[in-house]
Protein backbone atom coordinates (compact mmCIF):
# COMPACT_ATOMS: atom_id res chain seq x y z
CA GLU A 1 -7.80 -22.22 0.85
CA VAL A 2 -6.41 -19.14 2.42
CA TRP A 3 -7.50 -18.23 5.95
CA VAL A 4 -5.98 -14.60 6.11
CA PRO A 5 -7.71 -11.60 4.74
CA MET A 6 -6.41 -11.21 1.06
CA THR A 7 -6.08 -8.12 -1.10
CA VAL A 8 -5.71 -8.92 -4.76
CA GLY A 9 -4.06 -6.52 -7.29
CA GLY A 10 -2.32 -6.46 -10.62
CA GLY A 11 -4.23 -6.33 -13.95
CA ILE A 12 -7.37 -4.98 -12.36
CA ARG A 13 -8.78 -2.85 -15.20
CA SER A 14 -12.59 -2.74 -14.76
CA VAL A 15 -15.46 -3.21 -12.43
CA ASP A 16 -15.83 -6.65 -13.86
CA ASP A 17 -12.33 -7.55 -12.87
CA VAL A 18 -13.04 -6.36 -9.29
CA GLN A 19 -16.18 -8.43 -9.30
CA GLN A 20 -14.28 -11.57 -10.41
CA ALA A 21 -11.53 -11.05 -7.74
CA LEU A 22 -14.23 -10.76 -5.03
CA ARG A 23 -16.00 -13.74 -6.19
CA ALA A 24 -12.79 -15.72 -6.18
CA GLY A 25 -12.44 -14.87 -2.50
CA ALA A 26 -10.48 -11.62 -2.33
CA ASP A 27 -11.52 -9.35 0.66
CA LYS A 28 -10.12 -6.26 -1.07
CA VAL A 29 -8.91 -5.27 -4.49
CA ALA A 30 -5.94 -2.94 -5.20
CA ILE A 31 -6.05 -0.76 -8.34
CA ASN A 32 -3.14 1.28 -9.68
CA THR A 33 -2.31 1.66 -13.39
CA ALA A 34 -5.92 1.34 -14.57
CA ALA A 35 -6.96 4.10 -12.18
CA THR A 36 -4.27 6.41 -13.42
CA GLU A 37 -5.47 5.92 -17.00
CA ARG A 38 -9.14 6.40 -16.06
CA PRO A 39 -9.60 7.77 -12.49
CA ALA A 40 -13.43 7.32 -12.77
CA LEU A 41 -12.81 3.68 -12.42
CA ILE A 42 -12.29 4.16 -8.68
CA ASN A 43 -15.67 5.93 -8.33
CA GLU A 44 -17.36 3.16 -10.37
CA CYS A 45 -15.83 0.44 -8.16
CA VAL A 46 -16.58 2.28 -4.83
CA LYS A 47 -20.25 2.78 -6.02
CA ALA A 48 -20.60 -0.92 -7.04
CA PHE A 49 -18.65 -2.61 -4.04
CA GLY A 50 -18.28 0.01 -1.29
CA SER A 51 -15.16 1.81 -0.39
CA GLN A 52 -14.10 -0.79 2.25
CA CYS A 53 -12.90 -3.12 -0.40
CA ILE A 54 -11.33 -0.80 -2.89
CA VAL A 55 -7.59 -0.06 -2.18
CA GLY A 56 -5.70 2.74 -3.95
CA GLN A 57 -2.35 1.32 -4.76
CA VAL A 58 0.26 4.00 -5.13
CA ASP A 59 3.84 3.09 -6.26
CA ILE A 60 6.14 6.03 -5.48
CA ARG A 61 9.57 7.06 -6.22
CA ARG A 62 11.46 9.82 -4.54
CA VAL A 63 12.65 12.70 -6.61
CA GLY A 64 15.49 14.95 -5.27
CA MET A 65 17.27 14.23 -2.01
CA GLU A 66 15.51 15.05 1.36
CA GLY A 67 13.06 17.36 -0.20
CA ALA A 68 10.14 15.06 0.61
CA SER A 69 8.91 14.97 -2.95
CA TRP A 70 7.69 11.83 -4.73
CA VAL A 71 6.30 10.83 -8.00
CA ALA A 72 3.58 8.23 -8.57
CA MET A 73 4.54 5.39 -10.93
CA THR A 74 2.52 3.11 -13.08
CA ASN A 75 3.33 -0.13 -15.01
CA ASN A 76 5.13 -1.90 -12.28
CA GLY A 77 7.30 1.25 -11.56
CA ARG A 78 8.41 1.80 -15.06
CA ASP A 79 6.38 4.95 -15.95
CA THR A 80 6.06 8.22 -14.02
CA PHE A 81 2.34 9.44 -13.74
CA LYS A 82 2.23 12.63 -11.55
CA ASP A 83 3.03 14.03 -8.16
CA ALA A 84 2.48 11.23 -5.71
CA VAL A 85 0.95 13.47 -2.95
CA ASP A 86 -1.46 14.92 -5.45
CA TRP A 87 -2.47 11.37 -6.55
CA ILE A 88 -2.82 10.18 -2.95
CA HIS A 89 -5.18 13.04 -2.21
CA GLU A 90 -7.25 12.48 -5.39
CA LEU A 91 -7.61 8.76 -4.28
CA GLU A 92 -8.60 9.92 -0.82
CA ASP A 93 -11.21 12.27 -2.45
CA ARG A 94 -12.49 9.46 -4.59
CA GLN A 95 -13.09 7.53 -1.27
CA VAL A 96 -11.01 4.52 -1.67
CA GLY A 97 -11.18 2.52 1.64
CA GLU A 98 -7.51 2.06 2.04
CA LEU A 99 -4.12 3.24 0.45
CA LEU A 100 -1.25 0.81 -0.20
CA ILE A 101 1.81 2.88 -0.77
CA THR A 102 4.90 1.08 -2.05
CA SER A 103 8.34 2.76 -2.46
CA VAL A 104 9.67 1.66 -5.75
CA ASP A 105 13.23 2.81 -4.68
CA ARG A 106 13.12 0.68 -1.39
CA ASP A 107 11.40 -2.30 -2.56
CA GLY A 108 13.43 -5.45 -1.83
CA THR A 109 16.22 -3.46 -0.22
CA LEU A 110 15.53 -4.24 3.39
CA THR A 111 16.64 -0.79 4.30
CA GLY A 112 13.33 0.40 5.88
CA CYS A 113 10.20 2.05 4.43
CA GLU A 114 9.37 5.46 3.06
CA ALA A 115 7.68 6.53 6.20
CA GLY A 116 7.98 10.26 5.34
CA ILE A 117 5.12 10.09 2.91
CA MET A 118 2.75 9.45 5.93
CA SER A 119 2.85 13.20 6.79
CA ARG A 120 1.48 13.98 3.34
CA THR A 121 -1.60 11.79 3.63
CA SER A 122 -4.82 13.06 5.19
CA GLY A 123 -4.63 10.64 8.09
CA GLU A 124 -8.39 9.98 7.50
CA MET A 125 -8.08 6.39 6.01
CA PRO A 126 -5.92 3.38 6.62
CA VAL A 127 -2.44 3.38 4.98
CA ILE A 128 -0.49 0.24 4.43
CA LEU A 129 3.37 0.90 3.78
CA SER A 130 5.23 -1.42 1.59
CA GLY A 131 8.78 -1.63 0.34
CA GLY A 132 12.05 -1.98 2.18
CA PHE A 133 11.09 -3.93 5.37
CA GLY A 134 13.99 -5.94 6.78
CA HIS A 135 13.87 -5.35 10.60
CA PRO A 136 11.41 -4.94 13.47
CA GLN A 137 12.59 -1.30 13.82
CA HIS A 138 11.29 -0.55 10.32
CA ALA A 139 7.80 -1.56 11.38
CA ILE A 140 8.08 0.59 14.45
CA ASP A 141 9.22 3.53 12.23
CA ALA A 142 6.31 3.00 9.95
CA PHE A 143 3.69 2.79 12.70
CA ALA A 144 5.33 5.83 14.48
CA ALA A 145 4.85 7.87 11.30
CA GLY A 146 1.16 6.94 11.31
CA ALA A 147 0.94 3.82 9.14
CA ASP A 148 -1.87 1.47 9.92
CA GLY A 149 -0.06 -1.58 8.51
CA ILE A 150 2.92 -3.01 6.65
CA ALA A 151 3.41 -5.24 3.79
CA ILE A 152 6.44 -7.49 4.03
CA GLY A 153 7.94 -9.50 1.14
CA ARG A 154 11.62 -10.05 0.65
CA TRP A 155 12.42 -10.27 4.31
CA LEU A 156 10.12 -13.35 4.61
CA HIS A 157 11.47 -14.84 1.36
CA ASP A 158 15.01 -14.58 2.73
CA GLY A 159 14.06 -16.44 5.84
CA GLY A 160 12.80 -13.71 8.13
CA ASP A 161 11.18 -15.05 11.32
CA LEU A 162 7.64 -13.66 11.55
CA SER A 163 7.08 -15.06 15.02
CA ARG A 164 10.28 -13.41 16.26
CA MET A 165 9.37 -10.17 14.65
CA LYS A 166 5.92 -10.30 16.39
CA ASP A 167 7.72 -10.98 19.74
CA ASP A 168 10.10 -8.06 19.23
CA LEU A 169 7.19 -5.72 18.36
CA ASP A 170 5.12 -6.95 21.32
CA ALA A 171 8.04 -6.30 23.60
CA LEU A 172 8.13 -2.66 22.25
CA GLY A 173 4.35 -2.19 22.77
CA VAL A 174 3.34 -2.70 19.17
CA GLU A 175 0.22 -4.75 18.84
CA VAL A 176 0.45 -7.34 16.15
CA ARG A 177 -2.33 -9.62 14.88
CA MET A 178 -1.31 -13.04 13.48
């Protein structure tokens, strides 16, 4: 029923869960909490389905002020796991095909993304930034920092005009697929 590529996440705890999501039509599957509990799950999923469809989901929270330090969160941002940059590098080493990095602090705020985290990734795999988007400039900031894509939620729910955002980004030279 949906014509856009879809990444499914939430409650993915096993290779069987990934298989069910893919059979139901997902193009990619995002894994967070279960991977923090058992990192080998990422390796098993990559081996079974290929890295192109396994997304390492990392929920981050800034610690300190402008010190560019983040912790990775689990259980919908309720629990601290470990240093976010260390976890991002481990997911890269485990060969996820993509990273989805969500700022728990900025999610739903419409104040812009946590683009500073991009300088701490390897730059060798696609990264989608999520959390805080509320203006075309936020997308530009994310892309300028090296993000390959953005995830937008609240701004759309609050009546954001996606066609206008596309036009604004096109006018600034940012190519957008829709």
